[in-house]
Protein backbone atom coordinates (compact mmCIF):
# COMPACT_ATOMS: atom_id res chain seq x y z
CA MET A 1 -6.48 -26.44 -43.49
CA ASN A 2 -10.44 -27.39 -43.32
CA ASN A 3 -10.83 -27.01 -47.49
CA TYR A 4 -15.44 -27.67 -46.08
CA LEU A 5 -16.93 -25.15 -47.22
CA ASN A 6 -20.19 -24.50 -44.33
CA SER A 7 -24.22 -23.27 -45.63
CA ILE A 8 -22.42 -19.40 -43.98
CA GLY A 9 -19.36 -20.01 -46.10
CA LEU A 10 -17.04 -19.87 -43.90
CA LYS A 11 -13.60 -22.76 -43.77
CA LYS A 12 -15.44 -24.08 -40.45
CA ASN A 13 -17.33 -27.00 -39.75
CA PRO A 14 -21.37 -25.18 -37.57
CA SER A 15 -20.67 -26.94 -34.78
CA GLU A 16 -17.29 -25.12 -34.38
CA THR A 17 -19.23 -21.87 -35.85
CA THR A 18 -20.79 -19.23 -33.58
CA VAL A 19 -23.17 -17.30 -35.21
CA VAL A 20 -25.20 -14.69 -33.59
CA VAL A 21 -29.39 -14.43 -35.04
CA ALA A 22 -30.92 -11.17 -34.75
CA MET A 23 -34.53 -12.23 -33.48
CA SER A 24 -37.35 -9.33 -33.83
CA GLY A 25 -39.62 -12.28 -32.37
CA GLY A 26 -41.66 -11.63 -35.87
CA VAL A 27 -41.25 -15.24 -38.18
CA ASP A 28 -38.98 -14.13 -40.81
CA SER A 29 -35.40 -13.80 -38.00
CA SER A 30 -36.93 -16.59 -35.52
CA THR A 31 -36.17 -19.35 -38.56
CA VAL A 32 -33.18 -18.76 -39.28
CA ALA A 33 -32.20 -18.62 -36.14
CA GLY A 34 -33.96 -22.48 -35.63
CA MET A 35 -32.25 -23.26 -39.52
CA MET A 36 -28.96 -22.49 -37.81
CA LYS A 37 -29.07 -25.01 -34.75
CA LYS A 38 -30.52 -27.06 -37.19
CA ASP A 39 -27.63 -27.11 -39.10
CA GLY A 40 -25.65 -27.64 -36.42
CA TYR A 41 -23.67 -23.78 -35.45
CA LYS A 42 -23.39 -22.34 -31.85
CA VAL A 43 -26.67 -19.95 -32.11
CA ILE A 44 -26.73 -16.79 -29.84
CA GLY A 45 -29.75 -14.65 -30.45
CA ILE A 46 -30.44 -11.10 -29.56
CA THR A 47 -33.23 -9.06 -29.71
CA LEU A 48 -33.21 -5.90 -29.51
CA LYS A 49 -35.91 -3.44 -27.58
CA LEU A 50 -35.92 0.38 -29.86
CA TYR A 51 -38.16 1.94 -28.72
CA ASP A 52 -40.69 2.51 -25.50
CA ASP A 53 -44.38 3.26 -27.50
CA GLY A 54 -46.24 3.20 -23.64
CA LYS A 55 -48.92 0.79 -24.65
CA GLU A 56 -47.17 -2.93 -25.52
CA VAL A 57 -50.08 -4.65 -27.83
CA ALA A 58 -50.05 -8.02 -28.39
CA ALA A 59 -51.78 -7.23 -31.38
CA SER A 60 -49.54 -4.95 -32.18
CA LYS A 61 -47.76 -4.47 -35.93
CA GLN A 62 -45.50 -2.34 -35.45
CA CYS A 63 -41.96 -4.06 -34.88
CA CYS A 64 -39.75 -4.33 -31.76
CA SER A 65 -42.33 -3.86 -29.43
CA GLY A 66 -42.70 -5.83 -25.64
CA GLN A 67 -44.42 -8.70 -27.19
CA ASP A 68 -42.00 -9.34 -30.03
CA ILE A 69 -39.48 -9.12 -26.99
CA MET A 70 -41.58 -11.92 -25.96
CA ASP A 71 -42.21 -14.26 -28.57
CA ALA A 72 -38.28 -13.75 -29.06
CA LYS A 73 -38.10 -15.07 -25.88
CA ARG A 74 -39.75 -18.25 -26.23
CA VAL A 75 -38.11 -19.24 -29.76
CA ALA A 76 -34.51 -18.89 -27.73
CA GLN A 77 -35.73 -21.40 -25.25
CA LYS A 78 -37.90 -23.36 -28.02
CA LEU A 79 -34.40 -23.58 -29.66
CA ASP A 80 -32.54 -23.55 -26.35
CA ILE A 81 -30.13 -21.30 -27.40
CA GLU A 82 -28.85 -18.69 -26.20
CA HIS A 83 -31.52 -14.52 -25.83
CA LYS A 84 -29.86 -11.67 -24.63
CA ILE A 85 -31.99 -8.35 -24.46
CA LEU A 86 -30.74 -5.24 -25.34
CA TYR A 87 -31.89 -2.17 -24.53
CA TYR A 88 -31.18 0.61 -27.16
CA GLN A 89 -33.69 3.19 -26.89
CA ASN A 90 -31.50 6.20 -26.30
CA LYS A 91 -29.11 5.66 -28.95
CA PHE A 92 -32.37 4.73 -30.95
CA LYS A 93 -34.45 8.30 -30.44
CA GLN A 94 -30.45 9.54 -31.44
CA GLY A 95 -30.03 7.63 -34.91
CA VAL A 96 -33.12 6.64 -36.07
CA ILE A 97 -36.49 9.18 -34.94
CA ASP A 98 -34.68 12.51 -34.16
CA ASN A 99 -33.09 11.91 -38.26
CA PHE A 100 -36.53 11.27 -39.08
CA ILE A 101 -38.38 14.45 -38.25
CA ASP A 102 -35.54 16.42 -38.74
CA SER A 103 -35.66 15.12 -42.44
CA TYR A 104 -39.19 15.39 -42.40
CA LEU A 105 -39.17 19.36 -40.97
CA LYS A 106 -36.40 19.94 -44.28
CA GLY A 107 -38.94 19.07 -47.18
CA GLU A 108 -37.64 15.37 -47.37
CA THR A 109 -38.94 11.60 -46.87
CA PRO A 110 -37.18 9.84 -45.31
CA ILE A 111 -36.64 6.44 -44.85
CA PRO A 112 -36.43 5.02 -40.98
CA CYS A 113 -35.54 1.39 -41.39
CA VAL A 114 -32.34 2.46 -43.57
CA GLN A 115 -31.11 4.56 -40.81
CA CYS A 116 -32.00 2.12 -38.25
CA ASN A 117 -30.13 -0.96 -40.03
CA GLN A 118 -27.51 1.96 -40.91
CA THR A 119 -26.87 2.37 -37.02
CA VAL A 120 -28.70 0.46 -33.98
CA LYS A 121 -28.50 -2.90 -36.36
CA PHE A 122 -25.87 -3.46 -38.08
CA LYS A 123 -23.08 -1.07 -36.48
CA ASP A 124 -24.12 -1.82 -33.02
CA LEU A 125 -25.40 -4.87 -33.47
CA PHE A 126 -22.19 -5.57 -35.72
CA GLU A 127 -19.60 -4.81 -32.86
CA VAL A 128 -22.13 -6.67 -30.04
CA ALA A 129 -21.62 -9.39 -32.00
CA LYS A 130 -17.31 -9.44 -32.65
CA ASP A 131 -17.27 -8.90 -29.22
CA LEU A 132 -18.79 -11.97 -28.74
CA LYS A 133 -16.24 -14.14 -31.08
CA ALA A 134 -18.89 -14.97 -33.72
CA ASP A 135 -18.43 -15.88 -37.12
CA ALA A 136 -21.01 -14.12 -38.17
CA LEU A 137 -24.07 -11.91 -37.93
CA ILE A 138 -27.16 -13.86 -39.14
CA THR A 139 -30.57 -11.80 -40.46
CA GLY A 140 -34.03 -12.46 -41.49
CA HIS A 141 -33.09 -9.74 -44.47
CA TYR A 142 -34.92 -11.33 -48.17
CA VAL A 143 -31.19 -11.15 -49.77
CA LYS A 144 -29.48 -13.49 -50.83
CA SER A 145 -25.67 -13.24 -50.08
CA VAL A 146 -22.74 -14.54 -52.03
CA THR A 147 -19.19 -15.42 -50.48
CA VAL A 148 -16.45 -16.41 -53.06
CA ASP A 149 -13.08 -16.05 -51.12
CA ASN A 150 -13.91 -14.43 -48.21
CA GLN A 151 -15.40 -11.52 -50.25
CA THR A 152 -19.94 -11.12 -49.37
CA ASN A 153 -22.09 -9.38 -52.29
CA MET A 154 -25.00 -8.05 -51.65
CA TYR A 155 -27.92 -9.01 -54.17
CA ARG A 156 -31.71 -8.80 -54.61
CA ALA A 157 -33.90 -11.64 -52.42
CA ILE A 158 -35.22 -14.27 -55.24
CA ASP A 159 -39.42 -12.86 -53.74
CA GLU A 160 -39.18 -10.00 -55.58
CA ASN A 161 -42.32 -8.35 -53.96
CA ARG A 162 -40.42 -9.66 -50.07
CA ASP A 163 -36.42 -8.38 -51.43
CA GLN A 164 -35.12 -5.66 -48.92
CA SER A 165 -32.21 -4.66 -50.68
CA TYR A 166 -33.03 -1.52 -50.86
CA PHE A 167 -32.96 -1.13 -47.26
CA LEU A 168 -29.26 -1.58 -46.48
CA PHE A 169 -27.35 0.40 -49.13
CA ASN A 170 -25.39 1.93 -46.75
CA THR A 171 -24.18 -0.95 -45.57
CA SER A 172 -20.56 -1.22 -45.54
CA ARG A 173 -17.76 -3.65 -46.81
CA GLU A 174 -16.36 -4.93 -43.51
CA GLN A 175 -20.16 -5.24 -42.45
CA LEU A 176 -21.08 -7.90 -45.37
CA ASN A 177 -18.60 -9.25 -45.02
CA TYR A 178 -19.98 -10.75 -41.98
CA LEU A 179 -23.70 -10.62 -42.13
CA ARG A 180 -24.89 -13.36 -43.40
CA PHE A 181 -29.17 -13.54 -44.91
CA PRO A 182 -29.99 -16.95 -45.66
CA LEU A 183 -33.66 -16.29 -46.44
CA GLY A 184 -33.01 -14.66 -49.83
CA GLY A 185 -32.98 -17.61 -52.00
CA MET A 186 -36.68 -18.40 -50.69
CA LEU A 187 -40.05 -17.53 -50.41
CA LYS A 188 -42.56 -16.18 -47.22
CA ASP A 189 -44.76 -19.69 -47.46
CA GLU A 190 -41.49 -21.84 -47.66
CA THR A 191 -40.63 -19.71 -44.21
CA ARG A 192 -43.09 -20.68 -42.86
CA SER A 193 -43.66 -24.01 -43.67
CA ILE A 194 -39.87 -24.43 -41.91
CA ALA A 195 -41.17 -22.28 -38.92
CA LYS A 196 -44.04 -24.74 -38.35
CA LYS A 197 -41.27 -28.49 -38.82
CA LEU A 198 -39.17 -26.89 -36.10
CA ASN A 199 -43.26 -25.87 -33.80
CA LEU A 200 -42.34 -22.29 -33.39
CA ASN A 201 -44.73 -20.26 -32.17
CA VAL A 202 -44.34 -17.61 -34.54
CA ALA A 203 -45.04 -19.30 -37.76
CA ASP A 204 -48.34 -17.92 -37.92
CA LYS A 205 -47.59 -14.40 -37.21
CA PRO A 206 -48.89 -11.30 -39.50
CA ASP A 207 -45.81 -9.03 -41.15
CA SER A 208 -44.66 -6.39 -39.07
CA GLN A 209 -46.43 -3.47 -40.88
CA ASP A 210 -45.86 -0.41 -39.59
CA ILE A 211 -42.35 1.69 -38.38
CA CYS A 212 -42.21 0.66 -34.51
CA PHE A 213 -42.53 4.12 -34.04
CA VAL A 214 -45.39 5.55 -36.48
CA PRO A 215 -48.50 3.81 -34.95
CA ASN A 216 -51.02 2.75 -38.37
CA GLY A 217 -48.08 4.78 -40.02
CA ASP A 218 -49.25 8.42 -39.20
CA TYR A 219 -46.52 10.60 -39.88
CA ALA A 220 -46.95 13.50 -38.75
CA SER A 221 -48.78 12.90 -35.55
CA VAL A 222 -45.36 11.18 -34.48
CA ILE A 223 -43.28 14.42 -35.48
CA GLN A 224 -46.20 16.37 -33.53
CA LYS A 225 -45.21 14.90 -30.95
CA PHE A 226 -41.65 15.19 -30.62
CA ARG A 227 -42.09 18.52 -31.89
CA PRO A 228 -45.05 20.36 -31.00
CA ASP A 229 -44.30 23.80 -33.35
CA SER A 230 -43.53 21.37 -36.80
CA LEU A 231 -47.31 22.32 -37.79
CA LYS A 232 -47.18 26.58 -39.57
CA LYS A 233 -49.46 27.10 -41.77
CA GLY A 234 -48.03 28.62 -45.72
CA ASN A 235 -48.36 28.81 -48.49
CA ILE A 236 -50.05 26.32 -51.62
CA LYS A 237 -49.01 28.35 -54.16
CA ASN A 238 -48.46 26.97 -58.35
CA LEU A 239 -45.85 26.73 -60.64
CA GLU A 240 -46.18 30.92 -61.22
CA GLY A 241 -46.02 31.20 -57.93
CA LYS A 242 -49.59 32.48 -57.00
CA VAL A 243 -50.96 31.22 -53.84
CA ILE A 244 -53.78 29.46 -54.72
CA GLY A 245 -54.13 27.94 -50.71
CA VAL A 246 -53.28 27.18 -47.72
CA HIS A 247 -51.52 24.35 -45.91
CA ASP A 248 -51.00 23.15 -42.04
CA GLY A 249 -47.98 22.02 -42.21
CA ILE A 250 -45.60 20.71 -44.35
CA ILE A 251 -44.32 18.00 -42.47
CA ASN A 252 -48.28 16.56 -43.88
CA PHE A 253 -46.91 16.61 -47.85
CA THR A 254 -44.89 14.37 -50.15
CA ILE A 255 -43.38 14.65 -53.59
CA GLY A 256 -46.09 13.47 -55.64
CA GLN A 257 -49.00 13.28 -53.39
CA ARG A 258 -51.86 14.20 -54.22
CA LYS A 259 -54.70 13.37 -51.15
CA GLY A 260 -55.33 16.00 -49.06
CA ILE A 261 -53.77 19.54 -50.75
CA LYS A 262 -57.45 20.31 -50.51
CA VAL A 263 -57.45 23.14 -53.35
CA SER A 264 -59.46 22.79 -56.73
CA ASP A 265 -58.62 23.33 -60.04
CA LYS A 266 -59.48 21.94 -64.10
CA ASP A 267 -56.70 19.63 -63.23
CA ALA A 268 -55.70 16.23 -60.97
CA LEU A 269 -52.92 18.54 -58.38
CA TYR A 270 -49.89 17.32 -58.04
CA VAL A 271 -47.32 18.11 -54.74
CA LEU A 272 -44.38 19.09 -57.37
CA LYS A 273 -41.74 20.28 -54.83
CA ILE A 274 -41.48 21.91 -50.50
CA ASP A 275 -39.32 23.86 -49.50
CA ALA A 276 -38.53 24.04 -45.93
CA GLU A 277 -36.79 27.55 -45.61
CA LYS A 278 -40.52 29.26 -46.81
CA ASN A 279 -42.29 26.59 -45.44
CA GLU A 280 -44.35 27.07 -49.47
CA ILE A 281 -46.35 23.11 -51.26
CA ILE A 282 -45.84 24.10 -54.72
CA VAL A 283 -48.35 22.13 -57.06
CA GLY A 284 -48.60 21.50 -60.21
CA SER A 285 -50.29 18.50 -63.21
CA ARG A 286 -49.02 15.61 -62.60
CA GLU A 287 -46.99 15.35 -65.92
CA LYS A 288 -44.85 18.09 -64.44
CA LEU A 289 -43.70 15.32 -62.20
CA GLY A 290 -41.27 13.20 -64.02
CA LYS A 291 -37.23 13.75 -63.81
CA LYS A 292 -34.73 11.87 -65.77
CA VAL A 293 -31.30 13.50 -63.76
CA ILE A 294 -31.86 12.76 -60.06
CA LYS A 295 -28.60 14.49 -57.46
CA LEU A 296 -27.18 12.31 -54.66
CA ASN A 297 -25.34 13.21 -52.10
CA SER A 298 -23.89 10.57 -48.58
CA LEU A 299 -22.99 8.22 -51.88
CA ASN A 300 -21.99 4.24 -50.31
CA LEU A 301 -20.63 1.98 -52.84
CA LEU A 302 -20.04 -1.86 -51.89
CA VAL A 303 -17.80 -1.92 -55.79
CA GLY A 304 -15.00 0.24 -57.30
CA LYS A 305 -16.48 2.84 -59.51
CA GLU A 306 -15.01 0.32 -62.67
CA GLU A 307 -18.18 -1.33 -62.08
CA PHE A 308 -20.20 1.46 -63.57
CA LYS A 309 -19.07 1.78 -67.04
CA ASP A 310 -22.31 -0.03 -68.67
CA ASP A 311 -26.64 -2.13 -67.58
CA ILE A 312 -26.71 0.41 -64.73
CA LEU A 313 -29.79 -0.63 -63.08
CA VAL A 314 -31.36 1.96 -60.71
CA LYS A 315 -34.10 2.14 -57.78
CA VAL A 316 -35.69 5.83 -56.02
CA ARG A 317 -38.14 3.86 -53.96
CA SER A 318 -38.31 0.66 -51.46
CA THR A 319 -41.15 -0.54 -54.31
CA GLY A 320 -40.24 1.24 -57.53
CA LYS A 321 -39.34 -1.33 -60.47
CA LEU A 322 -35.58 -0.98 -61.50
CA LEU A 323 -34.69 1.23 -64.13
CA LYS A 324 -32.17 1.44 -66.81
CA ALA A 325 -29.41 4.56 -66.04
CA LYS A 326 -26.62 5.75 -66.25
CA VAL A 327 -24.97 6.87 -63.49
CA ASN A 328 -22.01 10.37 -63.54
CA PHE A 329 -19.74 10.34 -59.81
CA LYS A 330 -18.87 14.07 -59.49
CA ASN A 331 -17.02 13.30 -55.97
CA ASP A 332 -16.26 10.62 -53.74
CA GLU A 333 -19.43 11.46 -52.67
CA THR A 334 -21.67 13.00 -55.45
CA ALA A 335 -23.02 11.60 -58.22
CA SER A 336 -25.61 12.99 -61.24
CA VAL A 337 -28.28 10.04 -62.45
CA GLU A 338 -29.58 10.18 -65.57
CA LEU A 339 -32.83 8.10 -66.49
CA GLU A 340 -33.14 6.63 -69.62
CA GLU A 341 -37.12 7.20 -69.27
CA PHE A 342 -38.65 9.61 -67.14
CA GLU A 343 -40.04 8.51 -63.61
CA ASP A 344 -43.19 10.49 -61.08
CA GLY A 345 -42.79 11.59 -57.69
CA ILE A 346 -38.91 11.73 -56.68
CA SER A 347 -38.88 12.71 -53.15
CA PRO A 348 -34.93 13.96 -51.59
CA GLY A 349 -34.90 11.81 -48.09
CA GLN A 350 -35.43 8.85 -50.31
CA ALA A 351 -32.60 6.39 -51.55
CA CYS A 352 -31.63 5.50 -55.44
CA VAL A 353 -30.05 2.84 -54.70
CA PHE A 354 -27.45 1.19 -57.87
CA TYR A 355 -27.40 -3.07 -59.02
CA LYS A 356 -25.88 -4.83 -62.10
CA SER A 357 -27.47 -8.22 -63.72
CA ASP A 358 -24.05 -11.29 -62.48
CA ILE A 359 -24.59 -14.88 -62.84
CA HIS A 360 -26.17 -14.95 -59.90
CA GLY A 361 -28.96 -12.65 -59.68
CA GLU A 362 -28.99 -7.81 -59.18
CA LYS A 363 -26.03 -7.39 -57.03
CA LEU A 364 -25.89 -4.28 -54.39
CA LEU A 365 -23.56 -1.54 -56.00
CA GLY A 366 -24.08 0.52 -53.22
CA GLY A 367 -26.34 3.78 -53.80
CA GLY A 368 -27.25 7.51 -52.95
CA TRP A 369 -29.58 10.08 -50.71
CA ILE A 370 -31.17 11.61 -53.19
CA SER A 371 -30.30 15.65 -52.68
CA LEU A 372 -32.76 16.67 -56.11
């Protein structure tokens, strides 16, 4: 039995280890493919075509554009690795875009990147990698993975500004044991430096900023495109139930929003609640935004409930800070989270993600969807 552990925690020599690398065409995944090839692994690069935007623009700031696919292909040629393109537009439309639109129409603030990871990227790509008899699926996400005794746990990346663990809370235990994230212990500058040493054409490529099907961050126009009847005027009310204005559609609003309410008041007004059934927006002062108790549904736990006894940290938005909290499980699907301090702008449709510190950093324990 070979006791040698390779760089991805498997007891196999790299030359005997096949890995599938999810190649988006960006610098991160391209660098990971280059690192694996340089270390002697058998590398198969796979790029997903997820969305037809009708305008394959070279300077696009969206991920998964036509230009990205060409960039991934060039990187694969440069590295002399096998490269496949999978056309998943229909899967993506059903699993991500439709869910995104439905969520907004229910008055929620969805996170399509979580849905994308949960469906096409990890579920479908996971199955493809298994079919190819690969030993691991490698991605360019900035999360740290630690593998001990064939069990992998996920941790926040050392580069906290790049950490993507929040978006991966819905990963299954089976997927996590198969996934590897080589960039979790690196800073972005180090990634670009490696890309330059490997002479990759994407070394200086800007990061994608927009969600692939939401150009320029204009969510409302996307929803209108797919559901033309979604923009319906409705009332804006204060906490006393008085009508103080009219809105052009609830899809234009998120919890905690201040701009765009277009109602004058002596104090600044914030969106406190979105009532999709009544097609109403409830507004009030900022101090009414704070919450200490959050209700969650559709839980996904990567560890046993015994790990939640004390010292739990949570994130309630991708850009938020870690908050001290207690998690009270109602059953396997739902929980209530008690924050130590009030937090503003907690919105249904976002995720509440659980962490706990140990010797390796902040370990991802799982999470759930905020339902308030």
